Amino acid sequence: MNIKFATFNLFQFTAPPFSWYFKKDKFTKEQWEKKLSWIKNQIKLMDADIIGFQEVFSIEELKQLCKELGYEYFLNVDTPDINKKNPTIYTTTVLALASRFPIISNKNVRYDINSIKKHNFKEKFAFSRIPIKAIIELPNKTKIAVYVNHLKSNRLNEFEYIFKKSTTLKEKIEKTKLALENNFSSALKQRLIEASSLHMDIKESKIPTIFLCDLNDKEYSMTIDALTNKAYHEELEQDEFILFDAYNYYKKEVYNPHPEQKEIKRTPTSYYFSDENVIDFIFVSDDLKEKIVSYEVFDKHLKRNRNGTLLESDHAQVVCEIDIN
């Protein structure tokens, strides 16, 4: 049977009268209704069976919205922190998962002590957003593990490296060695430990696994190696992956291709000024990578406004359809 999975960064999902981070940053009732309407329409267009959400402040409002759209099952494993001096201001976001199929259990993902030591992390470690790991039973009785994540934000400083497809893991490690050893990029270090901890959890999975995320890092980044590649952790001579980017395993269609076109350019999911970035991903385990039916990026709102708007989102949504027998 074909199942559609989606990742959806909601962009400050905060019901009035609450604010996000600062008192002035909040929606009016009219703005909130417009945002809800856009999100509902977007979810209907996506028509995904299972959706991972990022940037959630108002949990109950999202749960109700999903229920109205036919998602009977909903999971959150954390609640946002509030400002100690003003309880109407949220200071952290959380993750959520909506499903048309039963969520039969949720599991804790623990940070990996060896990864903390490896990355020379001296402070007390905690995930920037507590990961979701849900076990879902499909109508055909197949059990799958679905992770939802939003890794540590990319600070876009000079030590946030951009790599190419041809860059080897060894080259990535050498280039970032100085920054990591000297604490030049705390955000990168945090993100690598989060990805490494998730890797250690995922590699023990005995069932098909889907990873829905705002990675907060780019295509070909070392964060992806930390998440997916055993060679990053075990110093293997060759790459050995436990997760695979679903984008690379569906048949891409080219309409009116230019004679000199060598490959299809990947659709960005986020923009930062003039920079086009792919930071929203769906990864799958080895047993699913050859079963990708379709992969679609919903980015019409970003074509109108690259930076997105608070009444919509500053991210594109990614939907992947998989044939799971």
Protein backbone atom coordinates (compact mmCIF):
# COMPACT_ATOMS: atom_id res chain seq x y z
CA MET A 1 0.00 0.00 0.00
CA ASN A 2 1.13 3.54 -0.73
CA ILE A 3 1.64 5.85 2.27
CA LYS A 4 2.41 9.55 2.04
CA PHE A 5 4.72 11.21 4.56
CA ALA A 6 5.28 14.94 5.00
CA THR A 7 7.42 17.39 6.92
CA PHE A 8 5.90 20.83 7.63
CA ASN A 9 7.61 23.74 9.40
CA LEU A 10 4.63 25.86 10.53
CA PHE A 11 6.59 29.09 11.19
CA GLN A 12 5.66 30.45 14.63
CA PHE A 13 2.42 28.53 15.18
CA THR A 14 1.20 30.63 18.10
CA ALA A 15 -2.47 31.23 18.89
CA PRO A 16 -3.40 34.67 20.26
CA PRO A 17 -3.12 36.15 22.80
CA PHE A 18 0.22 34.36 23.16
CA SER A 19 3.48 35.70 21.71
CA TRP A 20 6.62 33.98 20.45
CA TYR A 21 9.91 35.09 22.03
CA PHE A 22 8.92 38.78 22.37
CA LYS A 23 5.68 40.38 23.57
CA LYS A 24 5.18 42.32 20.33
CA ASP A 25 5.43 39.19 18.18
CA LYS A 26 1.93 37.79 18.11
CA PHE A 27 -1.01 37.35 15.75
CA THR A 28 -4.24 39.29 15.83
CA LYS A 29 -7.39 37.18 15.75
CA GLU A 30 -7.85 37.99 12.04
CA GLN A 31 -4.22 37.10 11.21
CA TRP A 32 -4.48 33.84 13.13
CA GLU A 33 -7.61 32.82 11.23
CA LYS A 34 -5.82 33.52 7.93
CA LYS A 35 -2.83 31.44 9.01
CA LEU A 36 -5.05 28.55 10.09
CA SER A 37 -6.92 28.71 6.79
CA TRP A 38 -3.68 28.57 4.78
CA ILE A 39 -2.32 25.66 6.83
CA LYS A 40 -5.56 23.71 6.41
CA ASN A 41 -5.56 24.26 2.65
CA GLN A 42 -1.90 23.27 2.44
CA ILE A 43 -2.49 20.04 4.36
CA LYS A 44 -5.41 19.20 2.07
CA LEU A 45 -3.20 19.77 -0.98
CA MET A 46 -0.44 17.62 0.47
CA ASP A 47 -2.88 14.83 1.33
CA ALA A 48 -0.25 13.09 3.45
CA ASP A 49 -1.12 10.22 5.76
CA ILE A 50 1.54 11.10 8.33
CA ILE A 51 2.86 14.62 8.97
CA GLY A 52 5.77 15.79 11.12
CA PHE A 53 5.46 19.40 12.30
CA GLN A 54 8.13 21.86 13.44
CA GLU A 55 7.86 25.27 15.15
CA VAL A 56 4.83 24.40 17.23
CA PHE A 57 3.92 26.64 20.16
CA SER A 58 0.15 26.11 20.45
CA ILE A 59 -0.21 22.34 20.74
CA GLU A 60 -3.93 22.01 21.42
CA GLU A 61 -4.82 24.29 18.51
CA LEU A 62 -2.73 22.17 16.14
CA LYS A 63 -4.24 18.98 17.51
CA GLN A 64 -7.75 20.32 16.89
CA LEU A 65 -6.86 21.48 13.39
CA CYS A 66 -5.51 18.05 12.50
CA LYS A 67 -8.53 16.31 13.98
CA GLU A 68 -10.84 18.45 11.82
CA LEU A 69 -8.88 17.29 8.77
CA GLY A 70 -9.21 13.59 9.61
CA TYR A 71 -6.00 12.93 11.51
CA GLU A 72 -7.32 10.89 14.40
CA TYR A 73 -3.93 10.31 16.00
CA PHE A 74 -1.68 13.07 17.32
CA LEU A 75 1.53 13.06 19.34
CA ASN A 76 3.69 15.62 21.09
CA VAL A 77 6.40 14.67 23.59
CA ASP A 78 7.24 18.09 24.98
CA THR A 79 5.64 21.43 25.81
CA PRO A 80 7.09 24.86 24.98
CA ASP A 81 8.74 26.86 27.73
CA ILE A 82 7.24 30.18 28.74
CA ASN A 83 8.81 33.42 29.89
CA LYS A 84 9.13 33.37 33.69
CA LYS A 85 8.11 37.01 33.95
CA ASN A 86 5.30 36.89 31.38
CA PRO A 87 3.36 33.60 31.00
CA THR A 88 1.86 34.73 27.66
CA ILE A 89 5.27 34.60 25.93
CA TYR A 90 6.60 31.29 24.60
CA THR A 91 10.37 30.92 24.54
CA THR A 92 10.85 27.50 22.88
CA THR A 93 9.14 25.51 20.15
CA VAL A 94 8.26 21.81 20.09
CA LEU A 95 7.51 19.09 17.54
CA ALA A 96 4.29 17.27 16.74
CA LEU A 97 3.12 14.31 14.68
CA ALA A 98 -0.30 13.76 13.10
CA SER A 99 -1.34 10.42 11.64
CA ARG A 100 -4.32 8.79 9.98
CA PHE A 101 -3.14 5.49 11.44
CA PRO A 102 -2.73 4.36 15.05
CA ILE A 103 0.33 5.54 16.96
CA ILE A 104 0.86 2.43 19.07
CA SER A 105 3.82 3.73 21.10
CA ASN A 106 6.36 6.51 21.40
CA LYS A 107 9.98 6.04 22.44
CA ASN A 108 12.54 8.29 24.07
CA VAL A 109 15.65 9.18 22.07
CA ARG A 110 18.59 9.62 24.43
CA TYR A 111 21.66 11.67 23.72
CA ASP A 112 24.78 9.64 23.01
CA ILE A 113 27.54 10.14 25.57
CA ASN A 114 30.29 9.01 23.19
CA SER A 115 29.16 11.59 20.63
CA ILE A 116 29.36 14.32 23.26
CA LYS A 117 32.95 13.30 24.03
CA LYS A 118 33.86 12.95 20.37
CA HIS A 119 32.75 16.51 19.60
CA ASN A 120 34.48 17.99 22.65
CA PHE A 121 31.23 19.36 24.07
CA LYS A 122 31.97 20.76 27.53
CA GLU A 123 28.56 22.09 28.57
CA LYS A 124 25.51 20.19 29.77
CA PHE A 125 23.92 18.70 26.67
CA ALA A 126 20.23 18.62 25.75
CA PHE A 127 18.44 18.37 22.42
CA SER A 128 17.42 21.82 21.16
CA ARG A 129 14.00 20.22 20.49
CA ILE A 130 13.13 16.85 21.99
CA PRO A 131 12.83 14.35 19.10
CA ILE A 132 9.70 12.37 18.37
CA LYS A 133 10.02 8.66 17.73
CA ALA A 134 6.65 7.06 17.09
CA ILE A 135 5.78 3.48 16.22
CA ILE A 136 2.81 3.49 13.84
CA GLU A 137 0.77 0.52 12.67
CA LEU A 138 -0.46 0.71 9.08
CA PRO A 139 -3.73 -0.87 7.85
CA ASN A 140 -1.77 -3.81 6.44
CA LYS A 141 -0.43 -4.43 10.00
CA THR A 142 3.09 -3.29 9.08
CA LYS A 143 4.78 -1.40 11.91
CA ILE A 144 7.00 1.55 11.03
CA ALA A 145 9.18 3.92 13.06
CA VAL A 146 8.63 7.61 12.32
CA TYR A 147 11.02 10.24 13.66
CA VAL A 148 10.25 13.96 13.66
CA ASN A 149 13.10 16.39 14.24
CA HIS A 150 14.16 20.03 14.11
CA LEU A 151 17.91 20.18 14.65
CA LYS A 152 19.84 23.09 16.16
CA SER A 153 19.47 26.27 14.14
CA ASN A 154 22.20 27.17 11.69
CA ARG A 155 23.74 30.48 12.74
CA LEU A 156 25.08 31.08 9.23
CA ASN A 157 28.48 32.12 10.49
CA GLU A 158 31.74 31.68 8.61
CA PHE A 159 32.25 28.20 10.04
CA GLU A 160 28.99 26.80 8.62
CA TYR A 161 30.59 25.12 5.65
CA ILE A 162 29.01 24.43 2.27
CA PHE A 163 30.07 21.17 0.66
CA LYS A 164 29.48 19.65 -2.76
CA LYS A 165 28.30 16.22 -3.80
CA SER A 166 31.90 15.33 -4.68
CA THR A 167 33.28 16.31 -1.24
CA THR A 168 34.41 13.22 0.64
CA LEU A 169 33.65 12.62 4.29
CA LYS A 170 37.38 12.81 5.03
CA GLU A 171 37.56 16.26 3.42
CA LYS A 172 34.55 17.46 5.43
CA ILE A 173 36.08 16.26 8.69
CA GLU A 174 39.42 17.90 7.92
CA LYS A 175 37.82 21.20 6.99
CA THR A 176 35.69 21.41 10.14
CA LYS A 177 38.30 20.04 12.54
CA LEU A 178 39.68 23.44 13.56
CA ALA A 179 36.24 24.96 14.12
CA LEU A 180 35.07 22.05 16.27
CA GLU A 181 38.24 21.73 18.35
CA ASN A 182 38.31 25.45 19.10
CA ASN A 183 34.58 25.93 19.70
CA PHE A 184 34.24 28.36 16.79
CA SER A 185 30.81 27.02 15.91
CA SER A 186 28.73 25.91 18.89
CA ALA A 187 25.61 25.54 16.70
CA LEU A 188 27.36 23.12 14.34
CA LYS A 189 28.75 21.13 17.26
CA GLN A 190 25.30 20.89 18.89
CA ARG A 191 23.72 19.84 15.59
CA LEU A 192 26.33 17.13 15.00
CA ILE A 193 25.75 15.65 18.46
CA GLU A 194 21.99 15.68 17.91
CA ALA A 195 22.41 13.96 14.54
CA SER A 196 24.91 11.47 15.97
CA SER A 197 22.60 10.58 18.87
CA LEU A 198 19.75 10.00 16.45
CA HIS A 199 22.03 7.85 14.29
CA MET A 200 22.82 5.62 17.26
CA ASP A 201 19.12 5.20 17.99
CA ILE A 202 18.07 4.59 14.38
CA LYS A 203 20.74 1.97 13.67
CA GLU A 204 19.09 -0.28 16.26
CA SER A 205 15.73 -0.13 14.48
CA LYS A 206 14.37 -3.48 13.36
CA ILE A 207 11.45 -2.06 11.37
CA PRO A 208 11.09 0.29 8.36
CA THR A 209 12.09 3.80 9.41
CA ILE A 210 11.16 7.26 8.12
CA PHE A 211 12.90 10.43 9.30
CA LEU A 212 11.01 13.73 8.83
CA CYS A 213 13.03 16.83 9.58
CA ASP A 214 13.99 20.44 9.36
CA LEU A 215 17.69 19.63 9.37
CA ASN A 216 18.83 23.26 9.65
CA ASP A 217 21.76 22.29 7.46
CA LYS A 218 22.32 21.95 3.75
CA GLU A 219 22.46 19.15 1.25
CA TYR A 220 25.81 17.31 1.46
CA SER A 221 26.47 18.76 4.93
CA MET A 222 28.44 16.84 7.53
CA THR A 223 25.28 16.83 9.66
CA ILE A 224 23.77 14.43 7.11
CA ASP A 225 26.81 12.17 7.43
CA ALA A 226 26.49 12.23 11.23
CA LEU A 227 22.85 11.22 10.87
CA THR A 228 23.09 8.65 8.08
CA ASN A 229 26.64 7.36 7.61
CA LYS A 230 28.29 4.73 9.83
CA ALA A 231 31.67 5.82 8.48
CA TYR A 232 31.36 9.11 10.36
CA HIS A 233 31.19 7.26 13.66
CA GLU A 234 33.27 4.15 13.11
CA GLU A 235 36.03 5.60 10.91
CA LEU A 236 35.34 3.14 8.12
CA GLU A 237 37.27 3.37 4.88
CA GLN A 238 34.05 3.39 2.85
CA ASP A 239 30.68 5.01 3.36
CA GLU A 240 28.02 2.78 4.90
CA PHE A 241 24.59 4.34 5.23
CA ILE A 242 21.65 3.50 7.49
CA LEU A 243 19.37 6.24 6.09
CA PHE A 244 18.89 7.53 2.56
CA ASP A 245 17.63 10.83 1.19
CA ALA A 246 14.28 9.94 -0.40
CA TYR A 247 14.79 12.63 -3.05
CA ASN A 248 17.54 10.55 -4.65
CA TYR A 249 15.33 7.48 -5.09
CA TYR A 250 12.36 8.62 -7.09
CA LYS A 251 12.19 8.93 -10.86
CA LYS A 252 12.45 12.60 -11.71
CA GLU A 253 10.57 13.91 -14.75
CA VAL A 254 12.08 16.59 -16.97
CA TYR A 255 9.75 18.81 -18.96
CA ASN A 256 11.22 20.36 -22.13
CA PRO A 257 14.79 19.80 -21.00
CA HIS A 258 17.54 21.96 -22.45
CA PRO A 259 19.86 19.88 -24.68
CA GLU A 260 22.83 20.72 -22.45
CA GLN A 261 21.04 20.07 -19.18
CA LYS A 262 22.94 17.42 -17.24
CA GLU A 263 20.73 17.07 -14.17
CA ILE A 264 17.64 18.47 -12.54
CA LYS A 265 18.20 21.23 -10.04
CA ARG A 266 16.78 20.37 -6.63
CA THR A 267 13.97 22.65 -5.46
CA PRO A 268 14.97 24.77 -2.43
CA THR A 269 12.86 24.48 0.70
CA SER A 270 14.07 27.70 2.31
CA TYR A 271 15.75 30.97 1.37
CA TYR A 272 18.13 33.25 3.24
CA PHE A 273 18.38 36.54 1.38
CA SER A 274 19.69 35.43 -2.04
CA ASP A 275 20.76 31.96 -0.89
CA GLU A 276 18.68 28.95 -1.91
CA ASN A 277 18.79 26.14 0.63
CA VAL A 278 17.50 22.60 0.95
CA ILE A 279 17.09 22.11 4.70
CA ASP A 280 13.83 20.11 4.90
CA PHE A 281 14.37 16.41 4.27
CA ILE A 282 12.74 13.00 4.36
CA PHE A 283 15.16 10.14 4.93
CA VAL A 284 14.25 6.45 4.76
CA SER A 285 15.83 3.19 5.84
CA ASP A 286 17.47 0.82 3.37
CA ASP A 287 14.40 -1.40 3.04
CA LEU A 288 12.35 1.55 1.74
CA LYS A 289 14.69 3.41 -0.58
CA GLU A 290 13.72 1.41 -3.67
CA LYS A 291 10.00 1.85 -2.91
CA ILE A 292 9.76 5.62 -3.35
CA VAL A 293 6.73 6.35 -5.53
CA SER A 294 6.81 10.16 -5.57
CA TYR A 295 8.55 13.12 -3.97
CA GLU A 296 7.08 16.62 -4.10
CA VAL A 297 8.03 20.03 -2.74
CA PHE A 298 5.12 22.40 -2.07
CA ASP A 299 6.69 25.81 -2.60
CA LYS A 300 4.16 28.02 -4.43
CA HIS A 301 4.02 30.40 -1.46
CA LEU A 302 7.82 30.82 -1.60
CA LYS A 303 7.67 31.61 -5.29
CA ARG A 304 5.44 34.54 -4.39
CA ASN A 305 7.70 35.59 -1.53
CA ARG A 306 11.04 33.86 -0.99
CA ASN A 307 11.16 34.82 2.68
CA GLY A 308 7.67 33.49 3.26
CA THR A 309 5.14 35.29 5.43
CA LEU A 310 4.03 34.76 9.00
CA LEU A 311 0.53 34.05 7.70
CA GLU A 312 1.94 31.13 5.70
CA SER A 313 5.42 29.64 6.22
CA ASP A 314 9.03 30.43 5.40
CA HIS A 315 9.62 26.78 4.49
CA ALA A 316 8.38 24.62 1.65
CA GLN A 317 6.64 21.41 2.62
CA VAL A 318 8.05 18.07 1.48
CA VAL A 319 5.83 15.06 0.75
CA CYS A 320 7.12 11.59 -0.09
CA GLU A 321 4.95 8.64 -1.14
CA ILE A 322 6.25 5.17 -0.35
CA ASP A 323 4.97 1.72 -1.27
CA ILE A 324 5.04 -0.17 2.04
CA ASN A 325 3.98 -3.80 1.79
